[in-house]
Every structure is written in C-alpha cells, then in structure tokens.
Amino acid sequence: MATITQEEFNQAFDITGKSSRQIARFINYLENHPQSHRVRDEGAEYEV
C-alpha cells in the first residue's frame, strides 16, 4: 500500500477543493444560461 506525506495530502486536498468550486460555478452557469453555447454531438460515440 502506498502512503503519501502530509504535504502531498494538503496539495491534493487543495486541488480537489478548487476543482469542486469550479465545477459548481460551471453548473450554476449552465443552469442560468440554458440556451447559450449549446453544442450537439449526436453522431459521436464515447468509450469509457
């Protein structure tokens, strides 16, 4: 099992916090601007 240092944990925690805030702001933007900048990609296939 791999371990990380407290500094590595703090960095990862800060990045996840920032990412979470950015995603929340993006969701808020999309909810408040439902028709702007919409792109439809009907023929695309995605593999996960």
PDB file of N, CA and C in Angstrom:
ATOM      1  N   MET A   1       0.850  -1.177   0.000  1.00  0.00           N
ATOM      2  CA  MET A   1       0.000   0.000   0.000  1.00  0.00           C
ATOM      3  C   MET A   1       0.899   1.244   0.000  1.00  0.00           C
ATOM      4  N   ALA A   2       0.588   2.169  -0.886  1.00  0.00           N
ATOM      5  CA  ALA A   2       1.364   3.398  -0.978  1.00  0.00           C
ATOM      6  C   ALA A   2       0.875   4.412   0.048  1.00  0.00           C
ATOM      7  N   THR A   3       1.797   5.166   0.575  1.00  0.00           N
ATOM      8  CA  THR A   3       1.437   6.232   1.514  1.00  0.00           C
ATOM      9  C   THR A   3       1.883   7.568   0.931  1.00  0.00           C
ATOM     10  N   ILE A   4       1.240   8.618   1.385  1.00  0.00           N
ATOM     11  CA  ILE A   4       1.612   9.957   0.945  1.00  0.00           C
ATOM     12  C   ILE A   4       1.962  10.791   2.178  1.00  0.00           C
ATOM     13  N   THR A   5       2.707  11.838   1.924  1.00  0.00           N
ATOM     14  CA  THR A   5       3.087  12.726   3.018  1.00  0.00           C
ATOM     15  C   THR A   5       1.938  13.684   3.321  1.00  0.00           C
ATOM     16  N   GLN A   6       2.035  14.351   4.445  1.00  0.00           N
ATOM     17  CA  GLN A   6       1.031  15.345   4.807  1.00  0.00           C
ATOM     18  C   GLN A   6       1.001  16.465   3.777  1.00  0.00           C
ATOM     19  N   GLU A   7       2.172  16.860   3.269  1.00  0.00           N
ATOM     20  CA  GLU A   7       2.239  17.916   2.255  1.00  0.00           C
ATOM     21  C   GLU A   7       1.537  17.485   0.970  1.00  0.00           C
ATOM     22  N   GLU A   8       1.751  16.242   0.544  1.00  0.00           N
ATOM     23  CA  GLU A   8       1.075  15.732  -0.656  1.00  0.00           C
ATOM     24  C   GLU A   8      -0.435  15.686  -0.443  1.00  0.00           C
ATOM     25  N   PHE A   9      -0.861  15.272   0.741  1.00  0.00           N
ATOM     26  CA  PHE A   9      -2.288  15.253   1.060  1.00  0.00           C
ATOM     27  C   PHE A   9      -2.862  16.664   0.996  1.00  0.00           C
ATOM     28  N   ASN A  10      -2.172  17.621   1.599  1.00  0.00           N
ATOM     29  CA  ASN A  10      -2.648  19.001   1.610  1.00  0.00           C
ATOM     30  C   ASN A  10      -2.785  19.552   0.190  1.00  0.00           C
ATOM     31  N   GLN A  11      -1.806  19.247  -0.662  1.00  0.00           N
ATOM     32  CA  GLN A  11      -1.864  19.702  -2.051  1.00  0.00           C
ATOM     33  C   GLN A  11      -3.058  19.084  -2.773  1.00  0.00           C
ATOM     34  N   ALA A  12      -3.257  17.782  -2.607  1.00  0.00           N
ATOM     35  CA  ALA A  12      -4.375  17.101  -3.252  1.00  0.00           C
ATOM     36  C   ALA A  12      -5.702  17.641  -2.723  1.00  0.00           C
ATOM     37  N   PHE A  13      -5.771  17.898  -1.437  1.00  0.00           N
ATOM     38  CA  PHE A  13      -6.986  18.431  -0.827  1.00  0.00           C
ATOM     39  C   PHE A  13      -7.305  19.813  -1.387  1.00  0.00           C
ATOM     40  N   ASP A  14      -6.290  20.650  -1.532  1.00  0.00           N
ATOM     41  CA  ASP A  14      -6.483  21.988  -2.096  1.00  0.00           C
ATOM     42  C   ASP A  14      -6.960  21.917  -3.546  1.00  0.00           C
ATOM     43  N   ILE A  15      -6.369  21.013  -4.322  1.00  0.00           N
ATOM     44  CA  ILE A  15      -6.757  20.869  -5.725  1.00  0.00           C
ATOM     45  C   ILE A  15      -8.198  20.392  -5.833  1.00  0.00           C
ATOM     46  N   THR A  16      -8.599  19.427  -5.003  1.00  0.00           N
ATOM     47  CA  THR A  16      -9.980  18.934  -5.072  1.00  0.00           C
ATOM     48  C   THR A  16     -10.961  20.016  -4.645  1.00  0.00           C
ATOM     49  N   GLY A  17     -10.601  20.824  -3.680  1.00  0.00           N
ATOM     50  CA  GLY A  17     -11.464  21.935  -3.269  1.00  0.00           C
ATOM     51  C   GLY A  17     -11.654  22.934  -4.391  1.00  0.00           C
ATOM     52  N   LYS A  18     -10.560  23.283  -5.050  1.00  0.00           N
ATOM     53  CA  LYS A  18     -10.619  24.230  -6.164  1.00  0.00           C
ATOM     54  C   LYS A  18     -11.446  23.648  -7.309  1.00  0.00           C
ATOM     55  N   SER A  19     -11.208  22.379  -7.627  1.00  0.00           N
ATOM     56  CA  SER A  19     -11.962  21.729  -8.696  1.00  0.00           C
ATOM     57  C   SER A  19     -13.447  21.693  -8.388  1.00  0.00           C
ATOM     58  N   SER A  20     -13.774  21.392  -7.159  1.00  0.00           N
ATOM     59  CA  SER A  20     -15.176  21.331  -6.742  1.00  0.00           C
ATOM     60  C   SER A  20     -15.856  22.689  -6.911  1.00  0.00           C
ATOM     61  N   ARG A  21     -15.177  23.754  -6.522  1.00  0.00           N
ATOM     62  CA  ARG A  21     -15.740  25.096  -6.675  1.00  0.00           C
ATOM     63  C   ARG A  21     -15.914  25.459  -8.148  1.00  0.00           C
ATOM     64  N   GLN A  22     -14.944  25.087  -8.987  1.00  0.00           N
ATOM     65  CA  GLN A  22     -15.033  25.387 -10.411  1.00  0.00           C
ATOM     66  C   GLN A  22     -16.193  24.635 -11.052  1.00  0.00           C
ATOM     67  N   ILE A  23     -16.363  23.379 -10.695  1.00  0.00           N
ATOM     68  CA  ILE A  23     -17.467  22.590 -11.245  1.00  0.00           C
ATOM     69  C   ILE A  23     -18.801  23.168 -10.796  1.00  0.00           C
ATOM     70  N   ALA A  24     -18.901  23.566  -9.537  1.00  0.00           N
ATOM     71  CA  ALA A  24     -20.142  24.153  -9.023  1.00  0.00           C
ATOM     72  C   ALA A  24     -20.470  25.444  -9.759  1.00  0.00           C
ATOM     73  N   ARG A  25     -19.464  26.284 -10.017  1.00  0.00           N
ATOM     74  CA  ARG A  25     -19.700  27.524 -10.760  1.00  0.00           C
ATOM     75  C   ARG A  25     -20.115  27.238 -12.198  1.00  0.00           C
ATOM     76  N   PHE A  26     -19.522  26.221 -12.811  1.00  0.00           N
ATOM     77  CA  PHE A  26     -19.873  25.855 -14.180  1.00  0.00           C
ATOM     78  C   PHE A  26     -21.309  25.343 -14.246  1.00  0.00           C
ATOM     79  N   ILE A  27     -21.691  24.493 -13.308  1.00  0.00           N
ATOM     80  CA  ILE A  27     -23.070  24.005 -13.250  1.00  0.00           C
ATOM     81  C   ILE A  27     -24.023  25.172 -13.077  1.00  0.00           C
ATOM     82  N   ASN A  28     -23.688  26.097 -12.196  1.00  0.00           N
ATOM     83  CA  ASN A  28     -24.521  27.277 -11.975  1.00  0.00           C
ATOM     84  C   ASN A  28     -24.658  28.092 -13.261  1.00  0.00           C
ATOM     85  N   TYR A  29     -23.566  28.266 -13.973  1.00  0.00           N
ATOM     86  CA  TYR A  29     -23.592  28.994 -15.242  1.00  0.00           C
ATOM     87  C   TYR A  29     -24.518  28.295 -16.230  1.00  0.00           C
ATOM     88  N   LEU A  30     -24.374  26.980 -16.368  1.00  0.00           N
ATOM     89  CA  LEU A  30     -25.207  26.241 -17.314  1.00  0.00           C
ATOM     90  C   LEU A  30     -26.678  26.320 -16.944  1.00  0.00           C
ATOM     91  N   GLU A  31     -26.981  26.282 -15.662  1.00  0.00           N
ATOM     92  CA  GLU A  31     -28.378  26.385 -15.226  1.00  0.00           C
ATOM     93  C   GLU A  31     -28.952  27.771 -15.507  1.00  0.00           C
ATOM     94  N   ASN A  32     -28.132  28.802 -15.417  1.00  0.00           N
ATOM     95  CA  ASN A  32     -28.595  30.168 -15.629  1.00  0.00           C
ATOM     96  C   ASN A  32     -28.563  30.603 -17.088  1.00  0.00           C
ATOM     97  N   HIS A  33     -27.894  29.848 -17.937  1.00  0.00           N
ATOM     98  CA  HIS A  33     -27.801  30.156 -19.368  1.00  0.00           C
ATOM     99  C   HIS A  33     -28.094  28.879 -20.162  1.00  0.00           C
ATOM    100  N   PRO A  34     -29.331  28.399 -20.094  1.00  0.00           N
ATOM    101  CA  PRO A  34     -29.631  27.085 -20.671  1.00  0.00           C
ATOM    102  C   PRO A  34     -29.480  26.988 -22.188  1.00  0.00           C
ATOM    103  N   GLN A  35     -29.605  28.090 -22.918  1.00  0.00           N
ATOM    104  CA  GLN A  35     -29.542  28.001 -24.374  1.00  0.00           C
ATOM    105  C   GLN A  35     -28.234  28.522 -24.975  1.00  0.00           C
ATOM    106  N   SER A  36     -27.406  29.161 -24.202  1.00  0.00           N
ATOM    107  CA  SER A  36     -26.191  29.730 -24.785  1.00  0.00           C
ATOM    108  C   SER A  36     -25.087  28.682 -24.924  1.00  0.00           C
ATOM    109  N   HIS A  37     -24.401  28.747 -26.019  1.00  0.00           N
ATOM    110  CA  HIS A  37     -23.219  27.927 -26.279  1.00  0.00           C
ATOM    111  C   HIS A  37     -23.503  26.426 -26.217  1.00  0.00           C
ATOM    112  N   ARG A  38     -24.682  26.022 -26.643  1.00  0.00           N
ATOM    113  CA  ARG A  38     -25.003  24.601 -26.662  1.00  0.00           C
ATOM    114  C   ARG A  38     -24.403  23.967 -27.913  1.00  0.00           C
ATOM    115  N   VAL A  39     -23.846  22.794 -27.739  1.00  0.00           N
ATOM    116  CA  VAL A  39     -23.289  22.039 -28.846  1.00  0.00           C
ATOM    117  C   VAL A  39     -23.925  20.660 -28.820  1.00  0.00           C
ATOM    118  N   ARG A  40     -24.393  20.255 -29.962  1.00  0.00           N
ATOM    119  CA  ARG A  40     -24.985  18.923 -30.058  1.00  0.00           C
ATOM    120  C   ARG A  40     -24.003  18.024 -30.793  1.00  0.00           C
ATOM    121  N   ASP A  41     -23.800  16.858 -30.245  1.00  0.00           N
ATOM    122  CA  ASP A  41     -22.867  15.905 -30.815  1.00  0.00           C
ATOM    123  C   ASP A  41     -23.587  14.565 -30.951  1.00  0.00           C
ATOM    124  N   GLU A  42     -24.569  14.521 -31.858  1.00  0.00           N
ATOM    125  CA  GLU A  42     -25.441  13.355 -31.969  1.00  0.00           C
ATOM    126  C   GLU A  42     -24.750  12.127 -32.531  1.00  0.00           C
ATOM    127  N   GLY A  43     -23.768  12.307 -33.391  1.00  0.00           N
ATOM    128  CA  GLY A  43     -23.146  11.161 -34.037  1.00  0.00           C
ATOM    129  C   GLY A  43     -21.929  10.612 -33.321  1.00  0.00           C
ATOM    130  N   ALA A  44     -21.555  11.207 -32.230  1.00  0.00           N
ATOM    131  CA  ALA A  44     -20.328  10.805 -31.545  1.00  0.00           C
ATOM    132  C   ALA A  44     -20.556   9.577 -30.687  1.00  0.00           C
ATOM    133  N   GLU A  45     -19.540   8.748 -30.620  1.00  0.00           N
ATOM    134  CA  GLU A  45     -19.551   7.592 -29.731  1.00  0.00           C
ATOM    135  C   GLU A  45     -18.376   7.731 -28.774  1.00  0.00           C
ATOM    136  N   TYR A  46     -18.638   7.508 -27.516  1.00  0.00           N
ATOM    137  CA  TYR A  46     -17.605   7.673 -26.500  1.00  0.00           C
ATOM    138  C   TYR A  46     -17.351   6.352 -25.806  1.00  0.00           C
ATOM    139  N   GLU A  47     -16.113   6.082 -25.547  1.00  0.00           N
ATOM    140  CA  GLU A  47     -15.736   4.848 -24.879  1.00  0.00           C
ATOM    141  C   GLU A  47     -15.122   5.201 -23.531  1.00  0.00           C
ATOM    142  N   VAL A  48     -15.667   4.618 -22.479  1.00  0.00           N
ATOM    143  CA  VAL A  48     -15.174   4.911 -21.137  1.00  0.00           C
ATOM    144  C   VAL A  48     -14.458   3.719 -20.579  1.00  0.00           C
TER     145      VAL A  48
END
